[in-house]
Amino acid sequence: MSTPGPSDDAEVPQEWEQMLRAMFGADTEEALRELRARGMDPAAMAAASGLPNDPALLGQVLAQVRRLLAATGEGPVNWDVAHDVARQVASAEGDPSLTTSQIRAATEAMSVAELWLDAVTDLPPAGGPARVWSRSEWVEQTLPSWRTLTEPVASSLSVALSSVLVDHLPPELSAGPVIPGTASDPNHLMRQLGSVVFGMQVGQAAGTLSREVFGATDIGIPLVREPSTVLVPSNIATFADGLDAPADEVTLYLALREAAHARLFTHVTWLRTHLLEIVATYARGITIDASTLEEAVAEIDPTNPEALQQALSRGIFSPSTTPEQDAALARLETALALVEGWVDEVSAAAALPHLPHAVALREMLRRRRAAGGPAEETFATLVGLELRPRRSRDAAALWAHIATSGGTTARDAVWDHPDLMPTAEDLDDPTGFERRRDESAEAHADLDRALAEIFGEEPPDPTE
């Protein structure tokens, strides 16, 4: 039987034991035995660690450690952190409970909007409930969709970020025994740290958006999966304050836009998936210039999530894009412009007979959407994606041209299949859309006839 070494009986200072238990939890005793087996004295480590004896300061350190190590699952974004930050930001400027009159006015506006839209589009109502949310409710209900939107990109970025951060850990965190899957494993620690950082970033953006949005479709992609229309009265009131248009007109116009979005995404069943697939295509090709990242990390403390979050906000970790990613971003921009342009055109057509300030409200919202806001800029910095339809005016002109030439039925029928969708070339030249589409259809018909001849089949009837 071996004789215990003198360090086995050494008393571990209480504050150091607290730190170990915060890091290892139920595995603390095993971690201590592992340290001793490797000839490392926990008591001596405590003496050399500089761990504060001040209870208040120690509490701050422990709270920071617990925050870093409290990530749920192994995902690239700590959604507990994202949720907490988003709720804090949403209520930072006040988020009073909605009054009965606010809920009634918003619900009535959405009901009227559906009636007006019936006259200008063949797409029927979404069919879901009309919802009226506070800012905090908006955060709660939309955060799952942010997960779908951001995780593909955050996952790729997190791998690159953690691989570089590991090489810049302070010696006291990168030395000693490694217990895989615990805080003693630098790769595990950095993945958790990256998860916290991205959680902070997404939470900050979602919380900021909750103070800016009017419904659930403002960014061009619906943030609720089930069919529904949503209004956020607190933000509508802030937007309407100081405008020449009466508040009820502003509410009605915004209800028209929300209901038009809901109709489009409900009945064009491929559209939401199409947009998310473009995001995923972009995410799969993410690479980061390691030298640029290493230079940035050298200037900050890689164990400080606030410092990393601020660095992300400055864009120093922005990925470089490949030609394939540039093409994906171009497709996303065109698709978002087509969505925004259709909603803009349909909402304006529905509002003009009823709202005296419809033209002014249309122009104001066009400028607001094209300019974006702080939250959209945050997401663009974080994942390199701008959910901003820069060419929405061109798209609206295209939809107006199609409606003038063939009526609203022809305009709405363009959404029947993704292959029918207009391209960037069509946004450049709306008047040539029908000609190019006819030429494309004829080329496909020629190919079908040629294939039928090769296989000895009857050629398809072009009128069917």
Protein backbone atom coordinates (compact mmCIF):
# COMPACT_ATOMS: atom_id res chain seq x y z
CA MET A 1 0.00 0.00 0.00
CA SER A 2 1.39 3.36 -0.99
CA THR A 3 2.01 6.04 1.57
CA PRO A 4 -0.04 9.20 1.03
CA GLY A 5 1.97 12.23 0.09
CA PRO A 6 1.98 15.24 2.37
CA SER A 7 -0.24 17.20 -0.01
CA ASP A 8 -3.07 14.65 0.31
CA ASP A 9 -3.88 15.94 3.76
CA ALA A 10 -3.29 19.58 2.98
CA GLU A 11 -6.36 21.61 3.63
CA VAL A 12 -7.74 23.31 0.52
CA PRO A 13 -8.68 26.93 1.34
CA GLN A 14 -12.43 27.47 1.51
CA GLU A 15 -12.52 30.06 -1.31
CA TRP A 16 -10.51 27.79 -3.62
CA GLU A 17 -12.83 24.87 -2.83
CA GLN A 18 -15.79 27.10 -3.73
CA MET A 19 -14.19 27.88 -7.05
CA LEU A 20 -13.49 24.21 -7.77
CA ARG A 21 -17.03 23.25 -6.91
CA ALA A 22 -18.36 26.00 -9.16
CA MET A 23 -16.24 24.63 -11.99
CA PHE A 24 -16.54 20.87 -11.51
CA GLY A 25 -19.76 20.44 -9.52
CA ALA A 26 -20.26 16.80 -8.55
CA ASP A 27 -16.86 15.93 -10.06
CA THR A 28 -14.93 18.12 -7.60
CA GLU A 29 -13.54 15.28 -5.47
CA GLU A 30 -12.49 13.35 -8.57
CA ALA A 31 -10.79 16.47 -9.93
CA LEU A 32 -8.88 16.94 -6.64
CA ARG A 33 -7.71 13.31 -6.68
CA GLU A 34 -6.60 13.69 -10.30
CA LEU A 35 -4.62 16.82 -9.46
CA ARG A 36 -2.86 15.09 -6.57
CA ALA A 37 -2.15 11.95 -8.62
CA ARG A 38 -0.29 14.14 -11.08
CA GLY A 39 1.80 15.70 -8.32
CA MET A 40 -0.11 18.99 -8.17
CA ASP A 41 -0.98 20.38 -4.75
CA PRO A 42 -4.41 22.10 -4.73
CA ALA A 43 -3.45 24.07 -1.63
CA ALA A 44 -0.32 25.38 -3.33
CA MET A 45 -2.31 26.19 -6.45
CA ALA A 46 -4.74 28.15 -4.32
CA ALA A 47 -1.91 30.13 -2.75
CA ALA A 48 -0.51 30.98 -6.17
CA SER A 49 -3.80 31.67 -7.85
CA GLY A 50 -4.42 35.13 -6.50
CA LEU A 51 -7.99 34.13 -5.65
CA PRO A 52 -9.50 36.99 -3.65
CA ASN A 53 -10.25 36.58 0.04
CA ASP A 54 -12.80 39.39 -0.12
CA PRO A 55 -16.21 37.60 -0.05
CA ALA A 56 -17.88 40.21 -2.29
CA LEU A 57 -15.14 40.06 -4.91
CA LEU A 58 -15.03 36.29 -4.69
CA GLY A 59 -18.77 36.22 -5.29
CA GLN A 60 -18.30 38.18 -8.50
CA VAL A 61 -15.63 35.77 -9.70
CA LEU A 62 -17.78 32.75 -8.89
CA ALA A 63 -20.78 34.30 -10.60
CA GLN A 64 -18.69 34.85 -13.73
CA VAL A 65 -17.49 31.25 -13.67
CA ARG A 66 -21.00 29.92 -13.20
CA ARG A 67 -22.22 32.07 -16.08
CA LEU A 68 -19.53 30.72 -18.37
CA LEU A 69 -20.17 27.12 -17.40
CA ALA A 70 -23.97 27.21 -17.35
CA ALA A 71 -24.44 26.65 -21.09
CA THR A 72 -27.27 24.32 -21.97
CA GLY A 73 -26.29 21.54 -24.35
CA GLU A 74 -23.43 21.78 -26.77
CA GLY A 75 -24.95 24.30 -29.17
CA PRO A 76 -23.09 27.29 -30.61
CA VAL A 77 -25.37 29.80 -28.85
CA ASN A 78 -26.20 29.82 -25.13
CA TRP A 79 -29.92 30.43 -25.40
CA ASP A 80 -30.35 30.91 -21.67
CA VAL A 81 -28.02 33.90 -21.90
CA ALA A 82 -29.71 35.09 -25.11
CA HIS A 83 -33.11 34.92 -23.44
CA ASP A 84 -32.00 36.78 -20.30
CA VAL A 85 -30.19 39.52 -22.22
CA ALA A 86 -33.07 39.95 -24.67
CA ARG A 87 -35.61 40.32 -21.85
CA GLN A 88 -33.40 42.84 -20.04
CA VAL A 89 -32.90 44.93 -23.19
CA ALA A 90 -36.60 44.73 -24.11
CA SER A 91 -37.67 46.17 -20.77
CA ALA A 92 -34.76 48.60 -20.32
CA GLU A 93 -36.85 51.56 -21.49
CA GLY A 94 -40.08 50.33 -19.98
CA ASP A 95 -42.50 47.65 -21.11
CA PRO A 96 -45.87 48.24 -19.44
CA SER A 97 -48.62 45.67 -19.70
CA LEU A 98 -51.00 46.26 -22.57
CA THR A 99 -54.32 47.88 -21.76
CA THR A 100 -57.68 46.54 -22.87
CA SER A 101 -58.13 49.49 -25.23
CA GLN A 102 -54.71 48.89 -26.85
CA ILE A 103 -55.51 45.23 -27.45
CA ARG A 104 -58.97 46.04 -28.83
CA ALA A 105 -57.68 48.77 -31.18
CA ALA A 106 -54.89 46.58 -32.57
CA THR A 107 -57.18 43.57 -33.02
CA GLU A 108 -59.77 45.68 -34.84
CA ALA A 109 -57.09 47.16 -37.10
CA MET A 110 -55.94 43.68 -38.14
CA SER A 111 -59.54 42.67 -38.87
CA VAL A 112 -60.09 45.74 -41.06
CA ALA A 113 -56.76 45.15 -42.82
CA GLU A 114 -57.87 41.68 -43.90
CA LEU A 115 -61.03 43.09 -45.48
CA TRP A 116 -59.09 45.73 -47.42
CA LEU A 117 -56.50 43.19 -48.62
CA ASP A 118 -59.23 40.90 -49.98
CA ALA A 119 -59.88 43.54 -52.63
CA VAL A 120 -56.29 43.71 -53.94
CA THR A 121 -54.82 40.19 -53.76
CA ASP A 122 -55.89 36.67 -54.61
CA LEU A 123 -53.97 35.28 -51.64
CA PRO A 124 -56.50 34.60 -48.83
CA PRO A 125 -56.01 35.55 -45.17
CA ALA A 126 -53.40 33.59 -43.22
CA GLY A 127 -56.16 32.13 -41.09
CA GLY A 128 -54.37 32.26 -37.76
CA PRO A 129 -55.14 34.34 -34.67
CA ALA A 130 -54.59 38.09 -34.42
CA ARG A 131 -52.10 38.62 -31.59
CA VAL A 132 -51.19 41.75 -29.66
CA TRP A 133 -47.88 41.59 -27.79
CA SER A 134 -45.78 43.60 -25.39
CA ARG A 135 -42.05 43.81 -26.09
CA SER A 136 -41.27 41.04 -23.63
CA GLU A 137 -43.92 38.82 -25.18
CA TRP A 138 -42.39 39.48 -28.59
CA VAL A 139 -39.03 38.24 -27.27
CA GLU A 140 -40.55 35.11 -25.75
CA GLN A 141 -42.49 34.19 -28.88
CA THR A 142 -39.84 34.93 -31.51
CA LEU A 143 -36.62 33.68 -29.88
CA PRO A 144 -37.08 30.11 -31.21
CA SER A 145 -37.02 31.49 -34.76
CA TRP A 146 -33.81 33.39 -34.04
CA ARG A 147 -32.35 30.01 -33.16
CA THR A 148 -33.24 28.65 -36.61
CA LEU A 149 -31.90 31.77 -38.29
CA THR A 150 -28.61 32.27 -36.44
CA GLU A 151 -27.36 28.86 -35.35
CA PRO A 152 -26.11 27.66 -38.77
CA VAL A 153 -23.88 30.72 -39.03
CA ALA A 154 -22.95 30.87 -35.33
CA SER A 155 -21.91 27.21 -35.43
CA SER A 156 -19.32 27.79 -38.14
CA LEU A 157 -18.05 30.96 -36.51
CA SER A 158 -17.86 29.33 -33.09
CA VAL A 159 -15.53 26.57 -34.29
CA ALA A 160 -13.12 29.08 -35.79
CA LEU A 161 -13.33 31.39 -32.79
CA SER A 162 -12.72 28.70 -30.17
CA SER A 163 -9.78 27.20 -32.07
CA VAL A 164 -7.98 30.54 -31.98
CA LEU A 165 -9.00 31.44 -28.42
CA VAL A 166 -7.51 28.20 -27.05
CA ASP A 167 -4.08 29.31 -28.23
CA HIS A 168 -4.43 32.60 -26.36
CA LEU A 169 -5.58 31.31 -22.99
CA PRO A 170 -3.67 32.55 -19.94
CA PRO A 171 -1.10 29.96 -18.78
CA GLU A 172 -2.96 29.28 -15.54
CA LEU A 173 -6.05 28.18 -17.48
CA SER A 174 -4.27 26.09 -20.11
CA ALA A 175 -1.90 24.22 -17.75
CA GLY A 176 -2.56 21.22 -15.58
CA PRO A 177 -4.56 18.04 -16.04
CA VAL A 178 -7.27 17.93 -18.69
CA ILE A 179 -10.55 16.26 -17.85
CA PRO A 180 -12.49 16.12 -21.15
CA GLY A 181 -15.87 17.82 -21.10
CA THR A 182 -15.08 19.93 -18.02
CA ALA A 183 -13.66 23.38 -17.41
CA SER A 184 -10.16 21.87 -17.29
CA ASP A 185 -10.49 21.10 -21.02
CA PRO A 186 -9.50 24.31 -22.86
CA ASN A 187 -11.48 23.37 -25.98
CA HIS A 188 -14.59 22.71 -23.92
CA LEU A 189 -14.14 25.95 -21.98
CA MET A 190 -13.71 27.97 -25.17
CA ARG A 191 -16.75 26.40 -26.82
CA GLN A 192 -18.78 27.36 -23.78
CA LEU A 193 -17.27 30.84 -23.79
CA GLY A 194 -18.09 31.26 -27.47
CA SER A 195 -21.61 30.03 -26.77
CA VAL A 196 -22.01 32.70 -24.09
CA VAL A 197 -20.63 35.41 -26.35
CA PHE A 198 -22.97 34.56 -29.21
CA GLY A 199 -25.84 34.29 -26.74
CA MET A 200 -25.09 37.81 -25.51
CA GLN A 201 -24.91 39.09 -29.07
CA VAL A 202 -28.13 37.47 -30.27
CA GLY A 203 -29.91 38.51 -27.07
CA GLN A 204 -28.77 42.10 -27.48
CA ALA A 205 -30.02 42.21 -31.06
CA ALA A 206 -33.34 40.48 -30.34
CA GLY A 207 -33.95 42.74 -27.36
CA THR A 208 -33.18 45.85 -29.39
CA LEU A 209 -35.45 44.67 -32.19
CA SER A 210 -38.28 44.17 -29.69
CA ARG A 211 -38.25 47.94 -29.18
CA GLU A 212 -38.33 48.67 -32.93
CA VAL A 213 -40.61 46.13 -34.61
CA PHE A 214 -44.32 46.57 -35.31
CA GLY A 215 -45.14 42.87 -35.73
CA ALA A 216 -43.60 39.47 -36.41
CA THR A 217 -42.51 39.99 -40.02
CA ASP A 218 -40.53 43.25 -40.02
CA ILE A 219 -37.21 41.64 -40.96
CA GLY A 220 -38.69 39.97 -44.05
CA ILE A 221 -38.75 36.45 -42.58
CA PRO A 222 -41.68 35.49 -40.30
CA LEU A 223 -40.54 34.98 -36.73
CA VAL A 224 -43.45 32.72 -35.80
CA ARG A 225 -44.01 29.40 -37.54
CA GLU A 226 -47.78 29.12 -37.26
CA PRO A 227 -50.05 31.39 -39.36
CA SER A 228 -50.88 34.53 -37.43
CA THR A 229 -50.75 38.31 -37.50
CA VAL A 230 -49.05 40.29 -34.74
CA LEU A 231 -48.89 43.92 -33.67
CA VAL A 232 -46.77 45.54 -30.92
CA PRO A 233 -48.77 48.64 -29.84
CA SER A 234 -46.00 50.18 -27.69
CA ASN A 235 -43.67 50.47 -30.67
CA ILE A 236 -46.43 51.65 -32.99
CA ALA A 237 -47.32 54.42 -30.53
CA THR A 238 -43.66 55.51 -30.33
CA PHE A 239 -43.40 55.53 -34.14
CA ALA A 240 -46.66 57.45 -34.58
CA ASP A 241 -45.75 60.08 -32.00
CA GLY A 242 -44.89 63.28 -33.86
CA LEU A 243 -46.12 62.13 -37.27
CA ASP A 244 -48.69 64.18 -39.18
CA ALA A 245 -50.86 61.08 -39.65
CA PRO A 246 -53.32 60.14 -36.90
CA ALA A 247 -52.32 57.20 -34.72
CA ASP A 248 -55.23 55.06 -35.92
CA GLU A 249 -54.13 55.53 -39.55
CA VAL A 250 -50.59 54.49 -38.67
CA THR A 251 -51.90 51.39 -36.89
CA LEU A 252 -54.09 50.45 -39.86
CA TYR A 253 -51.26 50.85 -42.35
CA LEU A 254 -48.91 48.72 -40.26
CA ALA A 255 -51.67 46.13 -39.81
CA LEU A 256 -51.98 45.97 -43.62
CA ARG A 257 -48.28 45.25 -43.98
CA GLU A 258 -48.31 42.60 -41.26
CA ALA A 259 -51.37 40.87 -42.72
CA ALA A 260 -49.91 40.98 -46.24
CA HIS A 261 -46.69 39.36 -44.99
CA ALA A 262 -48.70 36.69 -43.17
CA ARG A 263 -50.75 35.89 -46.30
CA LEU A 264 -47.64 35.58 -48.43
CA PHE A 265 -45.70 33.27 -46.13
CA THR A 266 -48.74 31.16 -45.26
CA HIS A 267 -49.84 30.42 -48.81
CA VAL A 268 -46.44 30.46 -50.56
CA THR A 269 -45.43 27.41 -48.58
CA TRP A 270 -41.91 27.09 -50.00
CA LEU A 271 -40.87 30.68 -49.31
CA ARG A 272 -39.74 30.55 -45.67
CA THR A 273 -37.74 27.36 -46.25
CA HIS A 274 -36.22 28.88 -49.38
CA LEU A 275 -34.90 31.88 -47.44
CA LEU A 276 -33.54 29.77 -44.58
CA GLU A 277 -31.80 27.44 -47.05
CA ILE A 278 -29.96 30.41 -48.52
CA VAL A 279 -28.79 31.34 -45.01
CA ALA A 280 -27.63 27.74 -44.44
CA THR A 281 -25.77 27.73 -47.78
CA TYR A 282 -23.96 30.87 -46.73
CA ALA A 283 -23.14 29.39 -43.30
CA ARG A 284 -21.60 26.21 -44.68
CA GLY A 285 -18.90 28.17 -46.46
CA ILE A 286 -17.80 30.38 -43.56
CA THR A 287 -14.07 30.73 -43.08
CA ILE A 288 -12.20 33.21 -40.89
CA ASP A 289 -8.80 34.68 -41.54
CA ALA A 290 -6.89 33.14 -38.64
CA SER A 291 -4.15 35.78 -38.70
CA THR A 292 -6.69 38.61 -38.42
CA LEU A 293 -8.51 36.82 -35.63
CA GLU A 294 -5.31 36.08 -33.72
CA GLU A 295 -4.27 39.71 -33.98
CA ALA A 296 -7.64 40.79 -32.60
CA VAL A 297 -7.62 38.27 -29.76
CA ALA A 298 -4.12 39.33 -28.73
CA GLU A 299 -5.57 42.73 -27.81
CA ILE A 300 -8.30 41.46 -25.47
CA ASP A 301 -8.79 39.00 -22.62
CA PRO A 302 -10.14 35.84 -24.28
CA THR A 303 -11.81 34.75 -21.03
CA ASN A 304 -13.86 37.95 -20.79
CA PRO A 305 -17.19 37.47 -22.58
CA GLU A 306 -18.03 41.18 -22.42
CA ALA A 307 -14.76 42.06 -24.17
CA LEU A 308 -15.37 39.43 -26.84
CA GLN A 309 -18.93 40.66 -27.30
CA GLN A 310 -17.71 44.21 -27.79
CA ALA A 311 -15.12 42.97 -30.27
CA LEU A 312 -17.84 41.21 -32.24
CA SER A 313 -19.83 44.45 -32.26
CA ARG A 314 -16.86 46.22 -33.85
CA GLY A 315 -16.77 43.59 -36.57
CA ILE A 316 -13.19 42.40 -35.98
CA PHE A 317 -14.28 38.76 -36.24
CA SER A 318 -16.29 39.24 -39.44
CA PRO A 319 -15.72 36.31 -41.80
CA SER A 320 -14.34 36.74 -45.28
CA THR A 321 -16.73 35.56 -47.97
CA THR A 322 -16.16 33.22 -50.89
CA PRO A 323 -17.64 33.70 -54.37
CA GLU A 324 -20.25 31.03 -53.51
CA GLN A 325 -21.23 32.95 -50.38
CA ASP A 326 -21.41 36.21 -52.29
CA ALA A 327 -23.80 34.50 -54.70
CA ALA A 328 -25.90 33.26 -51.75
CA LEU A 329 -26.03 36.76 -50.27
CA ALA A 330 -27.10 38.16 -53.64
CA ARG A 331 -29.91 35.58 -53.85
CA LEU A 332 -31.00 36.41 -50.31
CA GLU A 333 -31.02 40.13 -51.04
CA THR A 334 -33.10 39.62 -54.18
CA ALA A 335 -35.55 37.29 -52.41
CA LEU A 336 -36.01 39.70 -49.49
CA ALA A 337 -36.49 42.58 -51.91
CA LEU A 338 -39.20 40.63 -53.76
CA VAL A 339 -41.00 39.90 -50.49
CA GLU A 340 -40.75 43.50 -49.31
CA GLY A 341 -41.69 44.87 -52.73
CA TRP A 342 -44.81 42.69 -52.98
CA VAL A 343 -45.92 43.63 -49.45
CA ASP A 344 -45.22 47.31 -50.18
CA GLU A 345 -47.23 47.28 -53.41
CA VAL A 346 -50.17 45.28 -52.07
CA SER A 347 -50.39 47.27 -48.81
CA ALA A 348 -50.32 50.58 -50.68
CA ALA A 349 -53.04 49.41 -53.09
CA ALA A 350 -55.23 48.37 -50.15
CA ALA A 351 -54.63 51.59 -48.19
CA LEU A 352 -55.02 54.23 -50.91
CA PRO A 353 -58.86 54.17 -51.07
CA HIS A 354 -59.18 54.41 -47.29
CA LEU A 355 -56.25 56.26 -45.67
CA PRO A 356 -55.59 59.94 -46.49
CA HIS A 357 -51.93 59.65 -45.46
CA ALA A 358 -51.26 56.35 -47.26
CA VAL A 359 -48.70 57.80 -49.69
CA ALA A 360 -46.69 59.53 -46.95
CA LEU A 361 -46.78 56.45 -44.71
CA ARG A 362 -45.63 54.26 -47.59
CA GLU A 363 -42.63 56.46 -48.28
CA MET A 364 -41.69 56.73 -44.61
CA LEU A 365 -41.76 52.96 -44.14
CA ARG A 366 -39.79 52.41 -47.34
CA ARG A 367 -37.01 54.62 -46.05
CA ARG A 368 -37.10 53.08 -42.59
CA ARG A 369 -36.88 49.54 -43.96
CA ALA A 370 -34.10 50.35 -46.42
CA ALA A 371 -32.00 52.14 -43.78
CA GLY A 372 -32.28 49.37 -41.19
CA GLY A 373 -31.60 49.91 -37.52
CA PRO A 374 -29.14 49.11 -34.72
CA ALA A 375 -30.38 45.56 -34.25
CA GLU A 376 -30.11 44.72 -37.94
CA GLU A 377 -26.60 46.15 -37.94
CA THR A 378 -25.75 43.95 -34.96
CA PHE A 379 -26.86 40.81 -36.78
CA ALA A 380 -24.98 41.88 -39.90
CA THR A 381 -21.83 42.33 -37.82
CA LEU A 382 -22.30 39.03 -36.02
CA VAL A 383 -23.03 36.71 -38.93
CA GLY A 384 -22.27 38.73 -42.04
CA LEU A 385 -25.92 38.66 -43.10
CA GLU A 386 -27.91 41.78 -43.83
CA LEU A 387 -31.64 41.12 -43.70
CA ARG A 388 -32.22 44.35 -45.57
CA PRO A 389 -34.01 44.57 -48.93
CA ARG A 390 -31.92 47.25 -50.60
CA ARG A 391 -33.84 46.88 -53.87
CA SER A 392 -37.37 46.88 -52.51
CA ARG A 393 -38.33 49.92 -54.61
CA ASP A 394 -37.23 48.13 -57.78
CA ALA A 395 -39.17 45.05 -56.67
CA ALA A 396 -42.31 47.09 -55.97
CA ALA A 397 -42.03 48.61 -59.45
CA LEU A 398 -41.76 45.11 -60.93
CA TRP A 399 -44.85 43.85 -59.08
CA ALA A 400 -46.77 46.97 -60.14
CA HIS A 401 -45.77 46.40 -63.77
CA ILE A 402 -46.89 42.76 -63.69
CA ALA A 403 -50.23 43.76 -62.14
CA THR A 404 -50.74 46.47 -64.76
CA SER A 405 -49.96 44.06 -67.61
CA GLY A 406 -51.78 40.95 -66.41
CA GLY A 407 -53.79 41.87 -63.34
CA THR A 408 -53.43 40.90 -59.70
CA THR A 409 -53.96 37.22 -60.52
CA ALA A 410 -50.91 37.20 -62.82
CA ARG A 411 -48.89 39.08 -60.21
CA ASP A 412 -49.71 36.69 -57.37
CA ALA A 413 -49.27 33.62 -59.58
CA VAL A 414 -45.54 34.39 -59.86
CA TRP A 415 -45.23 32.98 -56.33
CA ASP A 416 -46.54 29.56 -57.45
CA HIS A 417 -43.06 28.04 -57.76
CA PRO A 418 -39.52 29.18 -56.91
CA ASP A 419 -38.47 28.64 -60.55
CA LEU A 420 -40.89 31.38 -61.59
CA MET A 421 -39.37 33.96 -59.30
CA PRO A 422 -37.95 37.15 -60.82
CA THR A 423 -34.19 37.61 -60.78
CA ALA A 424 -31.90 40.57 -60.18
CA GLU A 425 -32.02 41.15 -63.95
CA ASP A 426 -35.80 41.55 -63.70
CA LEU A 427 -35.34 44.15 -60.97
CA ASP A 428 -33.02 46.03 -63.34
CA ASP A 429 -35.56 45.90 -66.19
CA PRO A 430 -39.15 45.26 -65.01
CA THR A 431 -40.64 45.90 -68.44
CA GLY A 432 -38.70 42.98 -69.93
CA PHE A 433 -39.89 40.45 -67.34
CA GLU A 434 -42.68 38.91 -69.46
CA ARG A 435 -40.46 38.68 -72.56
CA ARG A 436 -37.64 36.95 -70.68
CA ARG A 437 -40.11 34.61 -69.00
CA ASP A 438 -41.68 33.69 -72.35
CA GLU A 439 -38.24 33.06 -73.85
CA SER A 440 -37.34 30.83 -70.91
CA ALA A 441 -40.60 28.90 -71.23
CA GLU A 442 -39.99 28.40 -74.96
CA ALA A 443 -36.46 27.15 -74.30
CA HIS A 444 -37.81 24.62 -71.81
CA ALA A 445 -40.47 23.54 -74.32
CA ASP A 446 -37.81 22.99 -77.00
CA LEU A 447 -35.82 20.86 -74.56
CA ASP A 448 -38.91 18.82 -73.65
CA ARG A 449 -39.66 18.20 -77.37
CA ALA A 450 -36.08 17.11 -78.02
CA LEU A 451 -36.13 14.69 -75.09
CA ALA A 452 -39.48 13.29 -76.23
CA GLU A 453 -38.07 12.59 -79.68
CA ILE A 454 -35.01 10.86 -78.22
CA PHE A 455 -37.15 8.55 -76.07
CA GLY A 456 -39.85 8.06 -78.70
CA GLU A 457 -42.56 9.72 -76.63
CA GLU A 458 -45.33 12.09 -77.55
CA PRO A 459 -44.11 15.67 -77.18
CA PRO A 460 -45.87 17.58 -74.38
CA ASP A 461 -48.70 19.89 -75.31
CA PRO A 462 -47.46 23.45 -74.63
CA THR A 463 -51.03 24.61 -73.93
CA GLU A 464 -51.43 22.25 -70.97
